[in-house]
Amino acid sequence: EHGALIALSDAVATPELFELYFPLKRESRMARARWRDGSRQGVEFTRAAKDDSQPVQLDLLRRLRRLEQENTALKARIAQLTEAG
């Protein structure tokens, strides 16, 4: 209720304060990084849950889909380049 343990890649850097989204609950919480040990990070929730029941703007969904596709293509290209080396 007051915090969480999250698992991240060592390569992922998080700011001191960030928004953490819980898709199953359809809510977001502001989280403050409290500690980090390799791929594990402890966070403390700083604000009450933000209700995510409002509809998402269609243009944002389209942009998100496009960025996810670009991300997938970039990951595939990185894999190709690292295998070729």
PDB file of N, CA and C in Angstrom:
ATOM      1  N   GLU A   1       0.816  -1.200   0.000  1.00  0.00           N
ATOM      2  CA  GLU A   1       0.000   0.000   0.000  1.00  0.00           C
ATOM      3  C   GLU A   1       0.861   1.266   0.000  1.00  0.00           C
ATOM      4  N   HIS A   2       2.028   1.218   0.656  1.00  0.00           N
ATOM      5  CA  HIS A   2       2.865   2.420   0.766  1.00  0.00           C
ATOM      6  C   HIS A   2       4.086   2.395  -0.140  1.00  0.00           C
ATOM      7  N   GLY A   3       4.341   1.253  -0.794  1.00  0.00           N
ATOM      8  CA  GLY A   3       5.510   1.158  -1.651  1.00  0.00           C
ATOM      9  C   GLY A   3       5.511  -0.139  -2.415  1.00  0.00           C
ATOM     10  N   ALA A   4       6.607  -0.351  -3.145  1.00  0.00           N
ATOM     11  CA  ALA A   4       6.702  -1.558  -3.964  1.00  0.00           C
ATOM     12  C   ALA A   4       8.153  -1.908  -4.218  1.00  0.00           C
ATOM     13  N   LEU A   5       8.354  -3.159  -4.578  1.00  0.00           N
ATOM     14  CA  LEU A   5       9.642  -3.643  -5.057  1.00  0.00           C
ATOM     15  C   LEU A   5       9.465  -3.898  -6.546  1.00  0.00           C
ATOM     16  N   ILE A   6      10.278  -3.248  -7.368  1.00  0.00           N
ATOM     17  CA  ILE A   6      10.169  -3.445  -8.802  1.00  0.00           C
ATOM     18  C   ILE A   6      11.471  -4.032  -9.330  1.00  0.00           C
ATOM     19  N   ALA A   7      11.371  -4.823 -10.380  1.00  0.00           N
ATOM     20  CA  ALA A   7      12.535  -5.437 -11.014  1.00  0.00           C
ATOM     21  C   ALA A   7      12.754  -4.773 -12.366  1.00  0.00           C
ATOM     22  N   LEU A   8      13.959  -4.265 -12.552  1.00  0.00           N
ATOM     23  CA  LEU A   8      14.321  -3.565 -13.783  1.00  0.00           C
ATOM     24  C   LEU A   8      15.651  -4.079 -14.292  1.00  0.00           C
ATOM     25  N   SER A   9      15.891  -3.903 -15.557  1.00  0.00           N
ATOM     26  CA  SER A   9      17.209  -4.198 -16.106  1.00  0.00           C
ATOM     27  C   SER A   9      18.213  -3.246 -15.464  1.00  0.00           C
ATOM     28  N   ASP A  10      19.434  -3.709 -15.282  1.00  0.00           N
ATOM     29  CA  ASP A  10      20.478  -2.834 -14.740  1.00  0.00           C
ATOM     30  C   ASP A  10      20.704  -1.620 -15.631  1.00  0.00           C
ATOM     31  N   ALA A  11      20.381  -1.748 -16.921  1.00  0.00           N
ATOM     32  CA  ALA A  11      20.601  -0.665 -17.874  1.00  0.00           C
ATOM     33  C   ALA A  11      19.533   0.424 -17.778  1.00  0.00           C
ATOM     34  N   VAL A  12      18.430   0.162 -17.079  1.00  0.00           N
ATOM     35  CA  VAL A  12      17.342   1.134 -16.970  1.00  0.00           C
ATOM     36  C   VAL A  12      17.604   2.058 -15.789  1.00  0.00           C
ATOM     37  N   ALA A  13      17.638   3.340 -16.071  1.00  0.00           N
ATOM     38  CA  ALA A  13      17.801   4.339 -15.017  1.00  0.00           C
ATOM     39  C   ALA A  13      16.449   4.981 -14.749  1.00  0.00           C
ATOM     40  N   THR A  14      16.100   5.121 -13.493  1.00  0.00           N
ATOM     41  CA  THR A  14      14.849   5.783 -13.135  1.00  0.00           C
ATOM     42  C   THR A  14      15.170   7.082 -12.416  1.00  0.00           C
ATOM     43  N   PRO A  15      14.365   8.106 -12.638  1.00  0.00           N
ATOM     44  CA  PRO A  15      14.564   9.346 -11.902  1.00  0.00           C
ATOM     45  C   PRO A  15      14.159   9.154 -10.439  1.00  0.00           C
ATOM     46  N   GLU A  16      14.464  10.125  -9.620  1.00  0.00           N
ATOM     47  CA  GLU A  16      14.111  10.018  -8.199  1.00  0.00           C
ATOM     48  C   GLU A  16      12.598   9.936  -8.023  1.00  0.00           C
ATOM     49  N   LEU A  17      11.843  10.674  -8.816  1.00  0.00           N
ATOM     50  CA  LEU A  17      10.388  10.689  -8.733  1.00  0.00           C
ATOM     51  C   LEU A  17       9.823  10.339 -10.105  1.00  0.00           C
ATOM     52  N   PHE A  18       8.917   9.361 -10.165  1.00  0.00           N
ATOM     53  CA  PHE A  18       8.336   8.954 -11.439  1.00  0.00           C
ATOM     54  C   PHE A  18       6.956   8.375 -11.210  1.00  0.00           C
ATOM     55  N   GLU A  19       6.210   8.250 -12.311  1.00  0.00           N
ATOM     56  CA  GLU A  19       4.862   7.691 -12.254  1.00  0.00           C
ATOM     57  C   GLU A  19       4.925   6.199 -12.573  1.00  0.00           C
ATOM     58  N   LEU A  20       4.284   5.397 -11.745  1.00  0.00           N
ATOM     59  CA  LEU A  20       4.256   3.945 -11.925  1.00  0.00           C
ATOM     60  C   LEU A  20       2.814   3.558 -12.244  1.00  0.00           C
ATOM     61  N   TYR A  21       2.612   2.878 -13.379  1.00  0.00           N
ATOM     62  CA  TYR A  21       1.268   2.532 -13.838  1.00  0.00           C
ATOM     63  C   TYR A  21       0.980   1.065 -13.559  1.00  0.00           C
ATOM     64  N   PHE A  22      -0.196   0.773 -13.023  1.00  0.00           N
ATOM     65  CA  PHE A  22      -0.661  -0.579 -12.728  1.00  0.00           C
ATOM     66  C   PHE A  22      -1.823  -0.900 -13.671  1.00  0.00           C
ATOM     67  N   PRO A  23      -1.555  -1.622 -14.775  1.00  0.00           N
ATOM     68  CA  PRO A  23      -2.602  -1.846 -15.776  1.00  0.00           C
ATOM     69  C   PRO A  23      -3.803  -2.626 -15.252  1.00  0.00           C
ATOM     70  N   LEU A  24      -3.587  -3.613 -14.395  1.00  0.00           N
ATOM     71  CA  LEU A  24      -4.728  -4.404 -13.913  1.00  0.00           C
ATOM     72  C   LEU A  24      -5.666  -3.577 -13.038  1.00  0.00           C
ATOM     73  N   LYS A  25      -5.105  -2.622 -12.300  1.00  0.00           N
ATOM     74  CA  LYS A  25      -5.936  -1.753 -11.459  1.00  0.00           C
ATOM     75  C   LYS A  25      -6.378  -0.498 -12.201  1.00  0.00           C
ATOM     76  N   ARG A  26      -5.780  -0.272 -13.381  1.00  0.00           N
ATOM     77  CA  ARG A  26      -6.053   0.933 -14.172  1.00  0.00           C
ATOM     78  C   ARG A  26      -5.841   2.188 -13.345  1.00  0.00           C
ATOM     79  N   GLU A  27      -4.687   2.245 -12.649  1.00  0.00           N
ATOM     80  CA  GLU A  27      -4.354   3.425 -11.869  1.00  0.00           C
ATOM     81  C   GLU A  27      -2.856   3.670 -11.898  1.00  0.00           C
ATOM     82  N   SER A  28      -2.495   4.897 -11.627  1.00  0.00           N
ATOM     83  CA  SER A  28      -1.100   5.304 -11.569  1.00  0.00           C
ATOM     84  C   SER A  28      -0.801   5.829 -10.173  1.00  0.00           C
ATOM     85  N   ARG A  29       0.432   5.637  -9.739  1.00  0.00           N
ATOM     86  CA  ARG A  29       0.886   6.169  -8.452  1.00  0.00           C
ATOM     87  C   ARG A  29       2.210   6.886  -8.688  1.00  0.00           C
ATOM     88  N   MET A  30       2.400   7.995  -8.015  1.00  0.00           N
ATOM     89  CA  MET A  30       3.697   8.659  -8.042  1.00  0.00           C
ATOM     90  C   MET A  30       4.601   7.891  -7.088  1.00  0.00           C
ATOM     91  N   ALA A  31       5.805   7.586  -7.543  1.00  0.00           N
ATOM     92  CA  ALA A  31       6.727   6.780  -6.752  1.00  0.00           C
ATOM     93  C   ALA A  31       8.055   7.514  -6.611  1.00  0.00           C
ATOM     94  N   ARG A  32       8.659   7.391  -5.451  1.00  0.00           N
ATOM     95  CA  ARG A  32       9.974   7.968  -5.178  1.00  0.00           C
ATOM     96  C   ARG A  32      10.948   6.816  -4.963  1.00  0.00           C
ATOM     97  N   ALA A  33      12.060   6.837  -5.688  1.00  0.00           N
ATOM     98  CA  ALA A  33      13.078   5.799  -5.541  1.00  0.00           C
ATOM     99  C   ALA A  33      13.685   5.904  -4.141  1.00  0.00           C
ATOM    100  N   ARG A  34      13.721   4.790  -3.421  1.00  0.00           N
ATOM    101  CA  ARG A  34      14.277   4.778  -2.067  1.00  0.00           C
ATOM    102  C   ARG A  34      15.615   4.050  -2.002  1.00  0.00           C
ATOM    103  N   TRP A  35      15.755   2.971  -2.771  1.00  0.00           N
ATOM    104  CA  TRP A  35      17.017   2.227  -2.812  1.00  0.00           C
ATOM    105  C   TRP A  35      17.073   1.414  -4.094  1.00  0.00           C
ATOM    106  N   ARG A  36      18.278   0.985  -4.438  1.00  0.00           N
ATOM    107  CA  ARG A  36      18.470   0.142  -5.631  1.00  0.00           C
ATOM    108  C   ARG A  36      19.598  -0.835  -5.360  1.00  0.00           C
ATOM    109  N   ASP A  37      19.379  -2.085  -5.736  1.00  0.00           N
ATOM    110  CA  ASP A  37      20.369  -3.141  -5.573  1.00  0.00           C
ATOM    111  C   ASP A  37      20.367  -3.972  -6.854  1.00  0.00           C
ATOM    112  N   GLY A  38      21.226  -3.617  -7.793  1.00  0.00           N
ATOM    113  CA  GLY A  38      21.258  -4.313  -9.078  1.00  0.00           C
ATOM    114  C   GLY A  38      19.971  -4.083  -9.842  1.00  0.00           C
ATOM    115  N   SER A  39      19.247  -5.166 -10.109  1.00  0.00           N
ATOM    116  CA  SER A  39      18.019  -5.054 -10.896  1.00  0.00           C
ATOM    117  C   SER A  39      16.781  -4.841 -10.028  1.00  0.00           C
ATOM    118  N   ARG A  40      16.952  -4.772  -8.720  1.00  0.00           N
ATOM    119  CA  ARG A  40      15.808  -4.553  -7.817  1.00  0.00           C
ATOM    120  C   ARG A  40      15.821  -3.115  -7.295  1.00  0.00           C
ATOM    121  N   GLN A  41      14.631  -2.532  -7.231  1.00  0.00           N
ATOM    122  CA  GLN A  41      14.514  -1.163  -6.733  1.00  0.00           C
ATOM    123  C   GLN A  41      13.306  -1.059  -5.819  1.00  0.00           C
ATOM    124  N   GLY A  42      13.509  -0.431  -4.684  1.00  0.00           N
ATOM    125  CA  GLY A  42      12.415  -0.165  -3.767  1.00  0.00           C
ATOM    126  C   GLY A  42      11.904   1.245  -3.976  1.00  0.00           C
ATOM    127  N   VAL A  43      10.581   1.385  -4.049  1.00  0.00           N
ATOM    128  CA  VAL A  43       9.977   2.705  -4.240  1.00  0.00           C
ATOM    129  C   VAL A  43       8.916   2.941  -3.173  1.00  0.00           C
ATOM    130  N   GLU A  44       8.737   4.193  -2.843  1.00  0.00           N
ATOM    131  CA  GLU A  44       7.713   4.623  -1.887  1.00  0.00           C
ATOM    132  C   GLU A  44       6.687   5.440  -2.649  1.00  0.00           C
ATOM    133  N   PHE A  45       5.405   5.145  -2.435  1.00  0.00           N
ATOM    134  CA  PHE A  45       4.363   5.916  -3.092  1.00  0.00           C
ATOM    135  C   PHE A  45       4.225   7.260  -2.374  1.00  0.00           C
ATOM    136  N   THR A  46       4.166   8.345  -3.173  1.00  0.00           N
ATOM    137  CA  THR A  46       4.152   9.684  -2.590  1.00  0.00           C
ATOM    138  C   THR A  46       2.806  10.370  -2.676  1.00  0.00           C
ATOM    139  N   ARG A  47       1.948   9.888  -3.552  1.00  0.00           N
ATOM    140  CA  ARG A  47       0.631  10.510  -3.705  1.00  0.00           C
ATOM    141  C   ARG A  47      -0.426   9.432  -3.834  1.00  0.00           C
ATOM    142  N   ALA A  48      -1.652   9.820  -3.601  1.00  0.00           N
ATOM    143  CA  ALA A  48      -2.781   8.888  -3.746  1.00  0.00           C
ATOM    144  C   ALA A  48      -2.905   8.444  -5.192  1.00  0.00           C
ATOM    145  N   ALA A  49      -3.600   7.358  -5.379  1.00  0.00           N
ATOM    146  CA  ALA A  49      -3.797   6.804  -6.718  1.00  0.00           C
ATOM    147  C   ALA A  49      -4.494   7.812  -7.613  1.00  0.00           C
ATOM    148  N   LYS A  50      -4.079   7.820  -8.856  1.00  0.00           N
ATOM    149  CA  LYS A  50      -4.723   8.656  -9.872  1.00  0.00           C
ATOM    150  C   LYS A  50      -5.659   7.754 -10.655  1.00  0.00           C
ATOM    151  N   ASP A  51      -6.908   8.093 -10.684  1.00  0.00           N
ATOM    152  CA  ASP A  51      -7.900   7.290 -11.399  1.00  0.00           C
ATOM    153  C   ASP A  51      -7.616   7.355 -12.893  1.00  0.00           C
ATOM    154  N   ASP A  52      -7.538   6.204 -13.517  1.00  0.00           N
ATOM    155  CA  ASP A  52      -7.212   6.135 -14.936  1.00  0.00           C
ATOM    156  C   ASP A  52      -8.424   5.722 -15.760  1.00  0.00           C
ATOM    157  N   SER A  53      -9.606   6.024 -15.265  1.00  0.00           N
ATOM    158  CA  SER A  53     -10.810   5.601 -15.981  1.00  0.00           C
ATOM    159  C   SER A  53     -11.197   6.562 -17.104  1.00  0.00           C
ATOM    160  N   GLN A  54     -10.530   7.711 -17.176  1.00  0.00           N
ATOM    161  CA  GLN A  54     -10.819   8.660 -18.248  1.00  0.00           C
ATOM    162  C   GLN A  54     -10.330   8.094 -19.568  1.00  0.00           C
ATOM    163  N   PRO A  55     -11.063   8.306 -20.644  1.00  0.00           N
ATOM    164  CA  PRO A  55     -10.624   7.778 -21.935  1.00  0.00           C
ATOM    165  C   PRO A  55      -9.309   8.415 -22.388  1.00  0.00           C
ATOM    166  N   VAL A  56      -8.485   7.623 -23.030  1.00  0.00           N
ATOM    167  CA  VAL A  56      -7.215   8.106 -23.557  1.00  0.00           C
ATOM    168  C   VAL A  56      -7.465   8.705 -24.931  1.00  0.00           C
ATOM    169  N   GLN A  57      -6.819   9.816 -25.206  1.00  0.00           N
ATOM    170  CA  GLN A  57      -7.004  10.470 -26.490  1.00  0.00           C
ATOM    171  C   GLN A  57      -6.501   9.571 -27.611  1.00  0.00           C
ATOM    172  N   LEU A  58      -7.260   9.518 -28.683  1.00  0.00           N
ATOM    173  CA  LEU A  58      -6.940   8.646 -29.813  1.00  0.00           C
ATOM    174  C   LEU A  58      -5.579   8.961 -30.416  1.00  0.00           C
ATOM    175  N   ASP A  59      -5.222  10.237 -30.518  1.00  0.00           N
ATOM    176  CA  ASP A  59      -3.923  10.582 -31.102  1.00  0.00           C
ATOM    177  C   ASP A  59      -2.779  10.071 -30.234  1.00  0.00           C
ATOM    178  N   LEU A  60      -2.962  10.045 -28.921  1.00  0.00           N
ATOM    179  CA  LEU A  60      -1.931   9.503 -28.041  1.00  0.00           C
ATOM    180  C   LEU A  60      -1.784   7.998 -28.235  1.00  0.00           C
ATOM    181  N   LEU A  61      -2.897   7.304 -28.428  1.00  0.00           N
ATOM    182  CA  LEU A  61      -2.828   5.864 -28.673  1.00  0.00           C
ATOM    183  C   LEU A  61      -2.122   5.569 -29.986  1.00  0.00           C
ATOM    184  N   ARG A  62      -2.400   6.352 -31.002  1.00  0.00           N
ATOM    185  CA  ARG A  62      -1.735   6.161 -32.289  1.00  0.00           C
ATOM    186  C   ARG A  62      -0.240   6.416 -32.177  1.00  0.00           C
ATOM    187  N   ARG A  63       0.118   7.465 -31.477  1.00  0.00           N
ATOM    188  CA  ARG A  63       1.539   7.787 -31.283  1.00  0.00           C
ATOM    189  C   ARG A  63       2.229   6.678 -30.497  1.00  0.00           C
ATOM    190  N   LEU A  64       1.585   6.189 -29.451  1.00  0.00           N
ATOM    191  CA  LEU A  64       2.147   5.109 -28.659  1.00  0.00           C
ATOM    192  C   LEU A  64       2.359   3.863 -29.511  1.00  0.00           C
ATOM    193  N   ARG A  65       1.384   3.502 -30.317  1.00  0.00           N
ATOM    194  CA  ARG A  65       1.501   2.329 -31.187  1.00  0.00           C
ATOM    195  C   ARG A  65       2.666   2.490 -32.162  1.00  0.00           C
ATOM    196  N   ARG A  66       2.791   3.697 -32.747  1.00  0.00           N
ATOM    197  CA  ARG A  66       3.881   3.955 -33.690  1.00  0.00           C
ATOM    198  C   ARG A  66       5.236   3.857 -32.995  1.00  0.00           C
ATOM    199  N   LEU A  67       5.353   4.413 -31.797  1.00  0.00           N
ATOM    200  CA  LEU A  67       6.609   4.361 -31.061  1.00  0.00           C
ATOM    201  C   LEU A  67       6.956   2.933 -30.637  1.00  0.00           C
ATOM    202  N   GLU A  68       5.956   2.147 -30.280  1.00  0.00           N
ATOM    203  CA  GLU A  68       6.205   0.747 -29.935  1.00  0.00           C
ATOM    204  C   GLU A  68       6.719  -0.020 -31.152  1.00  0.00           C
ATOM    205  N   GLN A  69       6.161   0.270 -32.335  1.00  0.00           N
ATOM    206  CA  GLN A  69       6.625  -0.379 -33.559  1.00  0.00           C
ATOM    207  C   GLN A  69       8.063   0.028 -33.882  1.00  0.00           C
ATOM    208  N   GLU A  70       8.373   1.315 -33.714  1.00  0.00           N
ATOM    209  CA  GLU A  70       9.739   1.787 -33.934  1.00  0.00           C
ATOM    210  C   GLU A  70      10.703   1.125 -32.953  1.00  0.00           C
ATOM    211  N   ASN A  71      10.285   0.989 -31.707  1.00  0.00           N
ATOM    212  CA  ASN A  71      11.110   0.356 -30.685  1.00  0.00           C
ATOM    213  C   ASN A  71      11.405  -1.097 -31.052  1.00  0.00           C
ATOM    214  N   THR A  72      10.391  -1.811 -31.503  1.00  0.00           N
ATOM    215  CA  THR A  72      10.566  -3.204 -31.919  1.00  0.00           C
ATOM    216  C   THR A  72      11.538  -3.296 -33.091  1.00  0.00           C
ATOM    217  N   ALA A  73      11.401  -2.397 -34.075  1.00  0.00           N
ATOM    218  CA  ALA A  73      12.293  -2.399 -35.233  1.00  0.00           C
ATOM    219  C   ALA A  73      13.730  -2.083 -34.810  1.00  0.00           C
ATOM    220  N   LEU A  74      13.908  -1.134 -33.907  1.00  0.00           N
ATOM    221  CA  LEU A  74      15.251  -0.791 -33.433  1.00  0.00           C
ATOM    222  C   LEU A  74      15.888  -1.949 -32.668  1.00  0.00           C
ATOM    223  N   LYS A  75      15.108  -2.642 -31.856  1.00  0.00           N
ATOM    224  CA  LYS A  75      15.636  -3.805 -31.135  1.00  0.00           C
ATOM    225  C   LYS A  75      16.082  -4.891 -32.106  1.00  0.00           C
ATOM    226  N   ALA A  76      15.303  -5.103 -33.155  1.00  0.00           N
ATOM    227  CA  ALA A  76      15.665  -6.106 -34.160  1.00  0.00           C
ATOM    228  C   ALA A  76      16.954  -5.692 -34.866  1.00  0.00           C
ATOM    229  N   ARG A  77      17.076  -4.413 -35.184  1.00  0.00           N
ATOM    230  CA  ARG A  77      18.296  -3.926 -35.856  1.00  0.00           C
ATOM    231  C   ARG A  77      19.508  -4.065 -34.953  1.00  0.00           C
ATOM    232  N   ILE A  78      19.373  -3.754 -33.682  1.00  0.00           N
ATOM    233  CA  ILE A  78      20.470  -3.910 -32.729  1.00  0.00           C
ATOM    234  C   ILE A  78      20.890  -5.377 -32.648  1.00  0.00           C
ATOM    235  N   ALA A  79      19.917  -6.263 -32.616  1.00  0.00           N
ATOM    236  CA  ALA A  79      20.223  -7.694 -32.579  1.00  0.00           C
ATOM    237  C   ALA A  79      20.996  -8.099 -33.830  1.00  0.00           C
ATOM    238  N   GLN A  80      20.603  -7.600 -34.988  1.00  0.00           N
ATOM    239  CA  GLN A  80      21.316  -7.910 -36.242  1.00  0.00           C
ATOM    240  C   GLN A  80      22.755  -7.415 -36.193  1.00  0.00           C
ATOM    241  N   LEU A  81      22.943  -6.200 -35.723  1.00  0.00           N
ATOM    242  CA  LEU A  81      24.275  -5.610 -35.690  1.00  0.00           C
ATOM    243  C   LEU A  81      25.185  -6.316 -34.688  1.00  0.00           C
ATOM    244  N   THR A  82      24.638  -6.719 -33.561  1.00  0.00           N
ATOM    245  CA  THR A  82      25.478  -7.394 -32.562  1.00  0.00           C
ATOM    246  C   THR A  82      25.808  -8.823 -32.986  1.00  0.00           C
ATOM    247  N   GLU A  83      24.939  -9.472 -33.736  1.00  0.00           N
ATOM    248  CA  GLU A  83      25.226 -10.814 -34.241  1.00  0.00           C
ATOM    249  C   GLU A  83      26.263 -10.775 -35.360  1.00  0.00           C
ATOM    250  N   ALA A  84      26.254  -9.718 -36.148  1.00  0.00           N
ATOM    251  CA  ALA A  84      27.187  -9.593 -37.263  1.00  0.00           C
ATOM    252  C   ALA A  84      28.610  -9.309 -36.776  1.00  0.00           C
ATOM    253  N   GLY A  85      28.744  -8.749 -35.568  1.00  0.00           N
ATOM    254  CA  GLY A  85      30.066  -8.369 -35.047  1.00  0.00           C
ATOM    255  C   GLY A  85      30.754  -9.500 -34.478  1.00  0.00           C
TER     256      GLY A  85
END
